[in-house]
Amino acid sequence: MKAIVCTFIFSGLSFLSGAQRSADLSVELVYPSTDPATFTMNTPYNIILKVKNQGSEAINAGDSLLLYITQNADTLEFLPGGENHIVKTGIDIPVGDSAQISHFMVYGDGTENSMVEACFSVIPVNAADPVTDPEISDNRSCVWIEVVENTAGINQLQTELIAVSPNPAKNSVTLSVVPDGEVRLLSPDGKEVKSLVPLGQTLDLSAVRNGMYLLNFTKDAQFISIRLVVEN
């Protein structure tokens, strides 16, 4: 059965021209963190990719990252213009550094009880200051996704997982649940600042600078992202 996918796009459009700078990016899935992953039909999931710059040329905010998604080897097209990619802009990735990009996906009616291989590829482009990535073998990351019917309790779980206190936080914060594994602290532009190991439901923020962050973690295969202000 061919998967039916809805997507939410928050980006503009760039055009590809000649190439001068030579980049070397690698792509790794942060979420889903399991393979295969289980997605519930008609539930939005935030796909998160870690893009690492392992070349000798920096990726600048003026560059665009084109995100291509295939489902069972079929390249998806996106509204409004039917493009075969999504454009991510304003992302700086210095040499040796990495950044995270994300994209929401929903598997709609008719996709229940199906298994889909989803692959995500990222290519850098810039019309004004051309850049290319000639080595694209590691620019892609794939995952098998099992789509299941919506069941009671999923919405309740997602609602429960959004609670943190206090917020703003000073030195520590308490989550309403115990995360599955580490909690990633990200800056608003998607760069990972720190990886935190929770002590039960508590996170130690004493070494974190003041500012606004995203707390990203999973609980029972559900991805959670919470805005948090730190005022140490």
Protein backbone atom coordinates (compact mmCIF):
# COMPACT_ATOMS: atom_id res chain seq x y z
CA MET A 1 0.00 0.00 0.00
CA LYS A 2 1.46 3.36 -0.96
CA ALA A 3 1.84 5.74 1.97
CA ILE A 4 -0.16 8.98 2.07
CA VAL A 5 1.87 11.69 3.76
CA CYS A 6 0.90 15.21 4.80
CA THR A 7 3.68 17.72 5.47
CA PHE A 8 3.96 21.16 6.99
CA ILE A 9 6.43 23.48 5.25
CA PHE A 10 7.88 26.68 6.68
CA SER A 11 10.48 27.72 4.13
CA GLY A 12 11.15 29.71 0.98
CA LEU A 13 12.59 28.72 -2.40
CA SER A 14 16.18 28.79 -3.67
CA PHE A 15 17.66 28.05 -7.06
CA LEU A 16 20.71 25.99 -7.93
CA SER A 17 23.46 27.33 -10.15
CA GLY A 18 27.14 26.59 -10.77
CA ALA A 19 29.43 25.26 -8.06
CA GLN A 20 32.60 26.76 -6.55
CA ARG A 21 32.80 25.81 -2.89
CA SER A 22 33.02 22.11 -2.11
CA ALA A 23 31.16 20.94 1.01
CA ASP A 24 30.94 17.53 2.67
CA LEU A 25 27.84 16.94 4.79
CA SER A 26 26.68 13.83 6.61
CA VAL A 27 23.11 13.19 7.78
CA GLU A 28 22.00 11.25 10.85
CA LEU A 29 18.46 10.71 12.12
CA VAL A 30 17.94 11.99 15.66
CA TYR A 31 14.22 11.24 15.66
CA PRO A 32 12.91 8.62 15.06
CA SER A 33 15.58 7.14 17.29
CA THR A 34 14.51 3.52 16.76
CA ASP A 35 14.48 1.41 13.60
CA PRO A 36 11.84 0.35 12.91
CA ALA A 37 9.84 3.22 14.39
CA THR A 38 6.12 3.14 15.13
CA PHE A 39 3.99 6.11 14.06
CA THR A 40 0.31 6.51 14.83
CA MET A 41 -1.96 7.41 11.92
CA ASN A 42 -3.14 11.07 11.79
CA THR A 43 -0.61 12.09 14.45
CA PRO A 44 2.07 14.70 13.57
CA TYR A 45 5.68 13.66 14.15
CA ASN A 46 8.66 15.98 14.08
CA ILE A 47 11.43 14.33 12.06
CA ILE A 48 14.81 15.60 13.29
CA LEU A 49 18.04 15.28 11.33
CA LYS A 50 21.55 16.02 12.54
CA VAL A 51 23.56 17.56 9.70
CA LYS A 52 27.33 17.50 10.29
CA ASN A 53 29.85 19.51 8.30
CA GLN A 54 32.80 17.15 7.89
CA GLY A 55 34.40 19.06 5.01
CA SER A 56 36.73 22.06 4.79
CA GLU A 57 34.14 24.70 3.81
CA ALA A 58 31.67 26.27 6.23
CA ILE A 59 27.94 26.22 5.54
CA ASN A 60 26.72 29.79 5.98
CA ALA A 61 23.34 31.33 6.77
CA GLY A 62 23.19 32.49 3.15
CA ASP A 63 23.31 28.90 1.92
CA SER A 64 20.19 26.77 1.55
CA LEU A 65 19.82 23.14 2.56
CA LEU A 66 17.49 21.16 0.31
CA LEU A 67 15.69 18.34 2.12
CA TYR A 68 14.54 15.44 -0.06
CA ILE A 69 12.26 12.72 1.31
CA THR A 70 11.53 9.37 -0.30
CA GLN A 71 8.94 6.80 0.78
CA ASN A 72 9.62 3.30 -0.52
CA ALA A 73 11.95 4.86 -3.12
CA ASP A 74 9.29 7.34 -4.36
CA THR A 75 10.34 11.00 -4.01
CA LEU A 76 7.68 13.07 -2.27
CA GLU A 77 6.34 16.30 -3.74
CA PHE A 78 5.30 19.20 -1.53
CA LEU A 79 2.67 21.90 -1.68
CA PRO A 80 2.12 24.61 -2.79
CA GLY A 81 4.10 24.21 -6.02
CA GLY A 82 4.72 20.49 -6.17
CA GLU A 83 8.48 20.82 -5.53
CA ASN A 84 10.39 17.63 -4.84
CA HIS A 85 12.27 19.16 -1.90
CA ILE A 86 11.91 21.46 1.10
CA VAL A 87 14.23 24.45 1.52
CA LYS A 88 15.85 25.15 4.90
CA THR A 89 17.59 28.53 5.24
CA GLY A 90 19.48 30.61 7.80
CA ILE A 91 21.57 27.71 9.14
CA ASP A 92 25.26 28.15 10.01
CA ILE A 93 27.37 24.98 10.24
CA PRO A 94 31.08 25.71 10.81
CA VAL A 95 33.63 23.09 9.77
CA GLY A 96 33.48 20.17 12.21
CA ASP A 97 30.21 21.38 13.74
CA SER A 98 26.65 20.16 13.30
CA ALA A 99 23.11 21.54 13.34
CA GLN A 100 19.66 20.01 13.48
CA ILE A 101 16.86 20.51 10.98
CA SER A 102 13.33 19.22 11.38
CA HIS A 103 10.19 18.57 9.39
CA PHE A 104 6.70 17.52 10.49
CA MET A 105 5.10 14.48 8.88
CA VAL A 106 1.64 12.93 9.22
CA TYR A 107 0.53 9.57 7.85
CA GLY A 108 -3.13 10.01 6.90
CA ASP A 109 -6.15 7.78 6.47
CA GLY A 110 -5.48 4.60 4.55
CA THR A 111 -1.91 4.14 5.77
CA GLU A 112 -2.67 2.05 8.86
CA ASN A 113 -0.95 -1.33 9.19
CA SER A 114 1.65 -0.42 6.57
CA MET A 115 5.45 -0.50 6.66
CA VAL A 116 7.28 2.36 4.93
CA GLU A 117 10.98 2.94 4.32
CA ALA A 118 11.52 6.69 4.69
CA CYS A 119 14.81 8.24 3.56
CA PHE A 120 15.96 11.82 4.15
CA SER A 121 18.69 13.52 2.10
CA VAL A 122 20.21 17.01 2.52
CA ILE A 123 22.02 18.89 -0.26
CA PRO A 124 23.58 22.40 0.11
CA VAL A 125 22.98 25.05 -2.58
CA ASN A 126 23.61 28.77 -3.07
CA ALA A 127 22.97 30.75 -6.25
CA ALA A 128 25.01 33.82 -5.22
CA ASP A 129 27.99 31.98 -3.70
CA PRO A 130 27.82 28.54 -5.31
CA VAL A 131 28.41 25.45 -3.17
CA THR A 132 28.18 21.76 -3.98
CA ASP A 133 28.66 18.46 -2.18
CA PRO A 134 30.31 15.99 -4.58
CA GLU A 135 30.39 13.14 -2.05
CA ILE A 136 26.71 12.42 -1.33
CA SER A 137 26.95 8.80 -0.20
CA ASP A 138 26.58 9.86 3.45
CA ASN A 139 24.05 12.66 2.85
CA ARG A 140 21.14 10.28 3.44
CA SER A 141 19.63 8.55 6.45
CA CYS A 142 16.78 6.02 6.33
CA VAL A 143 14.36 4.40 8.76
CA TRP A 144 11.56 1.85 8.54
CA ILE A 145 8.26 3.23 9.88
CA GLU A 146 5.33 1.06 10.92
CA VAL A 147 2.07 3.01 10.72
CA VAL A 148 -0.57 1.90 13.22
CA GLU A 149 -4.13 2.96 13.94
CA ASN A 150 -4.80 5.65 16.51
CA THR A 151 -5.42 4.19 19.94
CA ALA A 152 -6.84 5.58 23.15
CA GLY A 153 -4.30 7.18 25.43
CA ILE A 154 -1.95 8.62 22.81
CA ASN A 155 -3.31 12.16 23.07
CA GLN A 156 -3.35 11.90 26.85
CA LEU A 157 0.30 10.84 26.81
CA GLN A 158 1.32 13.71 24.54
CA THR A 159 -0.49 16.22 26.77
CA GLU A 160 1.12 14.82 29.89
CA LEU A 161 4.60 15.07 28.45
CA ILE A 162 4.59 18.83 27.92
CA ALA A 163 4.89 19.73 31.62
CA VAL A 164 8.13 21.14 33.07
CA SER A 165 8.60 23.15 36.23
CA PRO A 166 9.72 25.68 37.08
CA ASN A 167 9.87 27.52 33.77
CA PRO A 168 11.87 29.80 33.81
CA ALA A 169 14.24 27.39 35.55
CA LYS A 170 17.12 28.06 37.93
CA ASN A 171 19.82 25.38 38.39
CA SER A 172 17.41 22.49 37.77
CA VAL A 173 14.08 21.59 36.22
CA THR A 174 11.61 18.79 36.87
CA LEU A 175 9.82 16.94 34.06
CA SER A 176 6.39 15.35 34.50
CA VAL A 177 7.76 12.02 33.23
CA VAL A 178 11.05 10.12 33.16
CA PRO A 179 12.55 10.47 29.64
CA ASP A 180 13.74 7.49 27.64
CA GLY A 181 17.49 8.12 27.71
CA GLU A 182 19.32 11.42 27.36
CA VAL A 183 17.71 14.84 27.01
CA ARG A 184 19.16 17.15 24.35
CA LEU A 185 19.33 20.87 25.03
CA LEU A 186 19.20 22.90 21.81
CA SER A 187 19.56 26.58 21.00
CA PRO A 188 16.62 28.24 19.17
CA ASP A 189 18.46 27.84 15.83
CA GLY A 190 18.62 24.06 16.30
CA LYS A 191 22.22 23.60 17.44
CA GLU A 192 22.80 21.11 20.24
CA VAL A 193 24.19 22.89 23.30
CA LYS A 194 24.36 20.06 25.78
CA SER A 195 23.31 16.46 26.27
CA LEU A 196 21.82 15.91 29.73
CA VAL A 197 21.38 12.66 31.64
CA PRO A 198 18.23 12.97 33.78
CA LEU A 199 18.24 11.92 37.41
CA GLY A 200 14.77 10.45 37.45
CA GLN A 201 12.56 13.37 36.41
CA THR A 202 15.14 16.05 37.29
CA LEU A 203 17.66 17.77 35.01
CA ASP A 204 20.72 19.58 36.37
CA LEU A 205 20.98 22.97 34.62
CA SER A 206 23.61 24.53 36.90
CA ALA A 207 26.22 24.57 34.10
CA VAL A 208 23.83 25.98 31.48
CA ARG A 209 24.02 29.65 30.51
CA ASN A 210 20.99 31.90 30.73
CA GLY A 211 18.79 31.90 27.66
CA MET A 212 15.95 30.19 25.83
CA TYR A 213 16.34 26.56 24.79
CA LEU A 214 14.50 23.55 23.46
CA LEU A 215 14.43 20.37 25.53
CA ASN A 216 14.18 17.38 23.19
CA PHE A 217 13.61 13.81 24.35
CA THR A 218 11.48 10.74 23.73
CA LYS A 219 9.00 8.91 25.92
CA ASP A 220 7.40 5.63 24.85
CA ALA A 221 8.45 6.29 21.21
CA GLN A 222 6.81 9.75 21.27
CA PHE A 223 9.06 12.72 20.47
CA ILE A 224 8.75 15.67 22.87
CA SER A 225 10.09 19.20 22.37
CA ILE A 226 9.59 21.77 25.15
CA ARG A 227 10.61 25.43 25.23
CA LEU A 228 12.56 26.26 28.37
CA VAL A 229 14.00 29.51 29.74
CA VAL A 230 17.06 29.25 32.01
CA GLU A 231 17.74 32.05 34.51
CA ASN A 232 20.68 30.91 36.65
